[in-house]
Amino acid sequence: MSSIVIPAHNEERTLGRLLDRLLDGAGEREFDILVVANGCTDGTAAVAAARGPGVRVVETPVPSKHEALRLGDRHARGFPRMYVDADVELGAADVRALAAALSGPGAPLAAAPERELPMTGCSWRVRAYYRVWQRLPAVREGLFGRGVIAMTGEGHARIAALPPLMADDLAASLAFAPAERAVVPAARVVVRPPRTWPDLIRRRIRAATSTAQLEERRRKSAESPTPAVTPAPPPPTARTGLGDLRALLRADPTLLPAMLVFLSAALTARRGARKAIRARDFDTWLRDESSRQD
C-alpha cells in the first residue's frame, strides 16, 4: 500500500480538488491517504474528513510543514511513501505510475512526476519567467518544484535524517545522486504558478532564502569531522549559472526578452532575501495566495 502524506496549513480552498483527484478511480484501500492539518485556523481538517474513510486526518496546533511531515510519518502505513503538497493536483493513475517506477531491481530511491504549469490568468511577466525557468537543466532533472516526492523505504531513511529546512523539496532532491532519482513521464502533477508579479517575487524570495539556508547547512556538514549523516554524493548546488542561461539563448535566441524578465526576478528576489538571511530568519513563509484562487 502506497502512503500519501499531505501536510496542509489553511488549505481549505485547494485541498478538496487534490483529494477528489486522488480518490477518483482509486480502489478500496489502495492508497493510505493521510492529511496532516497543521496550525490551521480554517476548515482544512473538515474538508479532508468530508471525503470519508478513504482519507485519514491528523491535526496538530503547530504550524510547521517539517513537523507535519514527521507527524505524518508516524501515522503512515506503507511504502512507497509520497509527500504531496495540498495545493497541487495529482491523480490515482499518477500515484500508481510513481509507485511502479520505484519497484523492481535497479529502481531509483526517489521519484517525482512531470509538472504541468497552467498559465491561464498569469501576468505576461510571470509567463515570461516560467518560459525560461522550465527549460533550466536543474529544474527539468531535479525533484523539487513539483509538490510531490515519492520514495522507497531506503530513500525515506535517508530523508528522515535531514534537519528542518525551508527548502525541504530541494534538500530531498539533492540528497540523491542523479542515478538514484527519476522524473517519471507517465505521472503528471498540476502545479499552479503565481498569477501576479508580486506573488512570483514572494515565491522567489522564499526560494532564495531557503536555498541559502540549505547551502549553509551542507557546507557545515561537509566541514564537520564526524557528520551525522552521510548522504549520496549530490550535485554541489541547484543554482542557475550564467552558463546555463547562455546555453538556453544559443539554443533559442527568441528567449532573450523572457531571459531579461527572468534575470530581473532573480536579482529582485536576491535583494529581498538578504534581510532574512542576515537576520537568520528561515521560518517566515512568504505565501503566494494568487495561485490558490479558483
Protein backbone atom coordinates (compact mmCIF):
# COMPACT_ATOMS: atom_id res chain seq x y z
CA MET A 1 0.00 0.00 0.00
CA SER A 2 1.34 3.40 -1.00
CA SER A 3 1.11 6.02 1.73
CA ILE A 4 0.37 9.61 0.71
CA VAL A 5 1.21 12.22 3.33
CA ILE A 6 -0.31 15.66 2.72
CA PRO A 7 0.81 18.47 5.06
CA ALA A 8 -1.86 21.18 4.93
CA HIS A 9 -1.84 24.61 6.57
CA ASN A 10 -5.02 26.63 5.89
CA GLU A 11 -5.67 24.89 2.58
CA GLU A 12 -9.46 24.56 2.64
CA ARG A 13 -9.65 26.23 -0.80
CA THR A 14 -7.26 23.82 -2.52
CA LEU A 15 -7.23 20.54 -0.61
CA GLY A 16 -10.56 19.27 -1.93
CA ARG A 17 -9.52 19.26 -5.56
CA LEU A 18 -6.40 17.23 -4.73
CA LEU A 19 -8.28 14.68 -2.63
CA ASP A 20 -11.04 14.31 -5.22
CA ARG A 21 -8.49 13.50 -7.92
CA LEU A 22 -6.63 11.03 -5.70
CA LEU A 23 -9.84 9.22 -4.77
CA ASP A 24 -11.33 9.21 -8.28
CA GLY A 25 -10.63 5.76 -9.70
CA ALA A 26 -8.70 4.54 -6.66
CA GLY A 27 -9.52 1.07 -5.40
CA GLU A 28 -10.77 0.50 -1.89
CA ARG A 29 -7.78 0.61 0.47
CA GLU A 30 -5.45 1.00 -2.50
CA PHE A 31 -3.86 4.11 -1.00
CA ASP A 32 -3.21 5.21 2.56
CA ILE A 33 -4.06 8.93 2.33
CA LEU A 34 -3.16 10.98 5.38
CA VAL A 35 -3.82 14.71 5.72
CA VAL A 36 -1.86 16.44 8.47
CA ALA A 37 -3.68 19.69 9.24
CA ASN A 38 -1.05 21.81 10.98
CA GLY A 39 -1.80 25.08 12.74
CA CYS A 40 -5.00 25.56 10.74
CA THR A 41 -7.47 28.35 11.50
CA ASP A 42 -9.85 27.43 8.68
CA GLY A 43 -11.78 24.34 7.60
CA THR A 44 -8.88 22.31 6.23
CA ALA A 45 -9.48 19.34 8.54
CA ALA A 46 -13.21 19.38 7.81
CA VAL A 47 -12.58 19.35 4.05
CA ALA A 48 -10.40 16.26 4.46
CA ALA A 49 -12.80 14.49 6.82
CA ALA A 50 -15.69 15.09 4.41
CA ARG A 51 -14.02 12.76 1.89
CA GLY A 52 -14.92 9.79 4.07
CA PRO A 53 -12.96 6.76 5.27
CA GLY A 54 -10.53 6.90 2.35
CA VAL A 55 -8.79 9.86 3.97
CA ARG A 56 -7.36 9.90 7.48
CA VAL A 57 -6.90 13.22 9.26
CA VAL A 58 -4.33 14.09 11.89
CA GLU A 59 -4.36 17.55 13.49
CA THR A 60 -1.63 19.46 15.27
CA PRO A 61 -1.67 23.04 16.56
CA VAL A 62 1.93 23.56 15.39
CA PRO A 63 2.05 25.47 12.06
CA SER A 64 5.13 23.73 10.68
CA LYS A 65 5.47 21.76 7.46
CA HIS A 66 8.51 19.91 8.78
CA GLU A 67 6.68 18.84 11.94
CA ALA A 68 3.63 17.89 9.87
CA LEU A 69 5.77 15.64 7.68
CA ARG A 70 7.30 13.97 10.72
CA LEU A 71 3.87 13.51 12.30
CA GLY A 72 2.62 12.05 9.03
CA ASP A 73 5.50 9.59 9.03
CA ARG A 74 4.48 8.35 12.47
CA HIS A 75 0.98 7.58 11.21
CA ALA A 76 1.71 6.43 7.65
CA ARG A 77 1.38 2.72 6.99
CA GLY A 78 3.28 1.81 3.85
CA PHE A 79 5.79 2.31 1.06
CA PRO A 80 6.38 3.73 -1.42
CA ARG A 81 5.69 6.87 0.56
CA MET A 82 4.68 10.06 -1.18
CA TYR A 83 4.74 13.57 0.20
CA VAL A 84 2.25 15.77 -1.63
CA ASP A 85 1.62 19.49 -1.20
CA ALA A 86 -2.03 20.34 -0.57
CA ASP A 87 -2.22 22.93 -3.38
CA VAL A 88 -1.26 20.65 -6.30
CA GLU A 89 -3.36 18.20 -8.31
CA LEU A 90 -2.36 14.54 -8.62
CA GLY A 91 -4.50 11.62 -9.75
CA ALA A 92 -4.71 7.97 -8.78
CA ALA A 93 -3.07 6.90 -12.06
CA ASP A 94 -0.15 9.21 -11.35
CA VAL A 95 0.34 7.65 -7.91
CA ARG A 96 0.38 4.20 -9.49
CA ALA A 97 2.97 5.30 -12.05
CA LEU A 98 5.23 6.68 -9.33
CA ALA A 99 4.87 3.51 -7.26
CA ALA A 100 5.68 1.35 -10.30
CA ALA A 101 8.80 3.40 -11.04
CA LEU A 102 10.10 2.71 -7.51
CA SER A 103 9.63 -1.05 -7.66
CA GLY A 104 11.78 -3.80 -9.09
CA PRO A 105 15.52 -4.37 -9.46
CA GLY A 106 17.55 -1.27 -10.16
CA ALA A 107 14.69 1.07 -9.30
CA PRO A 108 15.56 4.57 -8.06
CA LEU A 109 15.18 5.51 -4.42
CA ALA A 110 13.11 8.61 -5.12
CA ALA A 111 10.87 9.84 -7.91
CA ALA A 112 8.62 12.72 -8.88
CA PRO A 113 6.09 13.37 -11.65
CA GLU A 114 6.40 15.63 -14.64
CA ARG A 115 4.93 19.06 -13.85
CA GLU A 116 2.22 20.98 -15.64
CA LEU A 117 2.10 24.74 -15.08
CA PRO A 118 -1.24 26.16 -16.27
CA MET A 119 -0.60 29.80 -17.22
CA THR A 120 -4.20 30.91 -17.60
CA GLY A 121 -4.70 34.12 -15.66
CA CYS A 122 -0.97 34.74 -15.15
CA SER A 123 0.53 38.12 -15.99
CA TRP A 124 2.82 38.37 -19.01
CA ARG A 125 5.91 38.73 -16.81
CA VAL A 126 5.03 35.57 -14.88
CA ARG A 127 4.57 33.69 -18.14
CA ALA A 128 7.91 35.01 -19.41
CA TYR A 129 9.68 33.98 -16.21
CA TYR A 130 8.40 30.41 -16.38
CA ARG A 131 9.22 30.16 -20.07
CA VAL A 132 12.87 30.28 -19.01
CA TRP A 133 12.59 28.53 -15.65
CA GLN A 134 11.03 25.38 -17.09
CA ARG A 135 13.95 24.97 -19.52
CA LEU A 136 16.71 25.07 -16.90
CA PRO A 137 18.56 21.72 -16.58
CA ALA A 138 18.31 21.62 -12.78
CA VAL A 139 14.57 22.32 -12.97
CA ARG A 140 13.96 19.65 -15.61
CA GLU A 141 16.03 16.97 -13.86
CA GLY A 142 15.52 17.74 -10.15
CA LEU A 143 12.67 16.51 -7.98
CA PHE A 144 11.98 19.93 -6.46
CA GLY A 145 9.30 22.43 -7.50
CA ARG A 146 6.76 19.69 -8.24
CA GLY A 147 4.92 19.45 -4.94
CA VAL A 148 5.31 15.66 -4.97
CA ILE A 149 8.19 13.41 -3.94
CA ALA A 150 7.86 9.63 -3.72
CA MET A 151 10.42 7.35 -2.16
CA THR A 152 11.19 3.82 -1.17
CA GLY A 153 11.87 2.74 2.39
CA GLU A 154 15.60 3.11 1.79
CA GLY A 155 15.14 6.55 0.30
CA HIS A 156 12.94 7.59 3.18
CA ALA A 157 15.58 6.56 5.71
CA ARG A 158 17.99 8.99 4.08
CA ILE A 159 15.49 11.86 4.04
CA ALA A 160 14.36 11.25 7.63
CA ALA A 161 17.84 12.14 8.86
CA LEU A 162 17.78 15.62 7.30
CA PRO A 163 17.41 18.62 9.62
CA PRO A 164 14.43 21.01 9.36
CA LEU A 165 14.86 23.18 6.28
CA MET A 166 12.66 25.63 4.39
CA ALA A 167 13.76 24.11 1.09
CA ASP A 168 12.61 20.65 2.04
CA ASP A 169 11.92 19.50 -1.54
CA LEU A 170 15.24 20.86 -2.79
CA ALA A 171 17.08 19.19 0.09
CA ALA A 172 15.32 15.93 -0.69
CA SER A 173 16.24 16.17 -4.37
CA LEU A 174 19.90 16.90 -3.62
CA ALA A 175 20.08 14.03 -1.12
CA PHE A 176 20.01 11.61 -4.07
CA ALA A 177 22.57 11.23 -6.81
CA PRO A 178 21.17 11.51 -10.37
CA ALA A 179 21.19 7.73 -10.75
CA GLU A 180 19.16 7.37 -7.55
CA ARG A 181 16.29 9.63 -8.56
CA ALA A 182 13.93 9.82 -11.51
CA VAL A 183 11.32 12.07 -13.05
CA VAL A 184 8.53 9.77 -14.25
CA PRO A 185 6.95 10.85 -17.57
CA ALA A 186 3.88 8.64 -17.02
CA ALA A 187 2.98 10.62 -13.88
CA ARG A 188 1.93 14.26 -14.06
CA VAL A 189 1.17 16.85 -11.40
CA VAL A 190 -0.55 20.19 -11.88
CA VAL A 191 1.33 22.95 -10.05
CA ARG A 192 -0.43 26.29 -10.19
CA PRO A 193 2.04 29.16 -10.61
CA PRO A 194 1.54 32.60 -9.07
CA ARG A 195 -0.62 34.84 -11.20
CA THR A 196 0.94 38.19 -10.32
CA TRP A 197 4.46 39.57 -10.36
CA PRO A 198 4.46 40.44 -6.62
CA ASP A 199 3.38 36.89 -5.77
CA LEU A 200 6.11 35.47 -8.01
CA ILE A 201 8.68 37.65 -6.25
CA ARG A 202 7.44 36.44 -2.86
CA ARG A 203 7.97 32.86 -4.01
CA ARG A 204 11.42 33.65 -5.37
CA ILE A 205 12.48 35.46 -2.16
CA ARG A 206 11.41 32.39 -0.19
CA ALA A 207 13.36 30.17 -2.59
CA ALA A 208 16.49 32.33 -2.38
CA THR A 209 16.32 32.43 1.42
CA SER A 210 15.77 28.71 1.77
CA THR A 211 18.50 27.88 -0.74
CA ALA A 212 20.96 29.96 1.28
CA GLN A 213 19.97 28.07 4.43
CA LEU A 214 20.37 24.72 2.70
CA GLU A 215 23.78 25.59 1.27
CA GLU A 216 24.97 26.77 4.67
CA ARG A 217 23.85 23.52 6.31
CA ARG A 218 25.52 21.43 3.63
CA ARG A 219 28.73 23.44 3.92
CA LYS A 220 28.85 22.99 7.69
CA SER A 221 28.12 19.28 7.32
CA ALA A 222 30.97 18.90 4.83
CA GLU A 223 33.34 20.70 7.20
CA SER A 224 32.33 18.59 10.20
CA PRO A 225 34.88 15.86 11.06
CA THR A 226 32.10 13.49 12.08
CA PRO A 227 28.96 14.40 10.14
CA ALA A 228 25.77 12.88 11.48
CA VAL A 229 24.56 11.97 8.02
CA THR A 230 26.46 10.61 5.04
CA PRO A 231 24.19 11.14 2.02
CA ALA A 232 24.89 10.00 -1.50
CA PRO A 233 27.12 12.46 -3.37
CA PRO A 234 24.71 15.14 -4.63
CA PRO A 235 25.36 17.95 -7.08
CA PRO A 236 27.06 20.83 -5.25
CA THR A 237 24.13 23.18 -5.88
CA ALA A 238 20.91 23.62 -7.80
CA ARG A 239 21.59 27.28 -8.50
CA THR A 240 21.35 28.52 -12.07
CA GLY A 241 24.63 29.68 -13.56
CA LEU A 242 25.24 32.14 -16.36
CA GLY A 243 26.47 29.24 -18.45
CA ASP A 244 23.04 27.63 -18.22
CA LEU A 245 21.37 30.83 -19.41
CA ARG A 246 23.83 31.32 -22.26
CA ALA A 247 23.21 27.76 -23.40
CA LEU A 248 19.46 28.36 -23.47
CA LEU A 249 19.92 31.51 -25.54
CA ARG A 250 22.21 29.77 -28.02
CA ALA A 251 19.59 27.04 -28.45
CA ASP A 252 16.70 29.52 -28.75
CA PRO A 253 17.57 33.21 -29.30
CA THR A 254 13.86 34.14 -29.12
CA LEU A 255 14.13 33.60 -25.34
CA LEU A 256 16.01 36.90 -24.91
CA PRO A 257 13.01 39.04 -23.77
CA ALA A 258 11.90 36.30 -21.35
CA MET A 259 15.50 35.95 -20.15
CA LEU A 260 15.56 39.63 -19.17
CA VAL A 261 12.40 39.12 -17.13
CA PHE A 262 13.92 36.03 -15.52
CA LEU A 263 17.08 37.90 -14.53
CA SER A 264 15.03 40.78 -13.16
CA ALA A 265 13.08 38.38 -10.94
CA ALA A 266 16.26 36.64 -9.79
CA LEU A 267 18.01 39.89 -8.86
CA THR A 268 14.93 41.30 -7.11
CA ALA A 269 14.49 38.10 -5.12
CA ARG A 270 18.14 38.02 -4.16
CA ARG A 271 17.93 41.56 -2.80
CA GLY A 272 14.72 40.72 -0.97
CA ALA A 273 16.27 37.64 0.63
CA ARG A 274 19.30 39.45 2.06
CA LYS A 275 17.44 40.85 5.07
CA ALA A 276 16.07 37.44 6.08
CA ILE A 277 19.45 35.78 5.59
CA ARG A 278 21.23 38.40 7.69
CA ALA A 279 18.58 38.06 10.40
CA ARG A 280 18.80 34.25 10.27
CA ASP A 281 15.06 34.23 9.59
CA PHE A 282 14.41 30.86 7.99
CA ASP A 283 10.92 30.47 9.44
CA THR A 284 8.88 33.24 7.78
CA TRP A 285 6.95 31.61 4.93
CA LEU A 286 6.11 34.11 2.18
CA ARG A 287 2.95 32.53 0.85
CA ASP A 288 1.55 33.09 -2.62
CA GLU A 289 -2.23 33.44 -2.40
CA SER A 290 -2.93 34.17 -6.07
CA SER A 291 -2.28 30.56 -7.12
CA ARG A 292 -4.89 29.43 -4.59
CA GLN A 293 -7.69 31.35 -6.25
CA ASP A 294 -10.37 29.42 -8.13
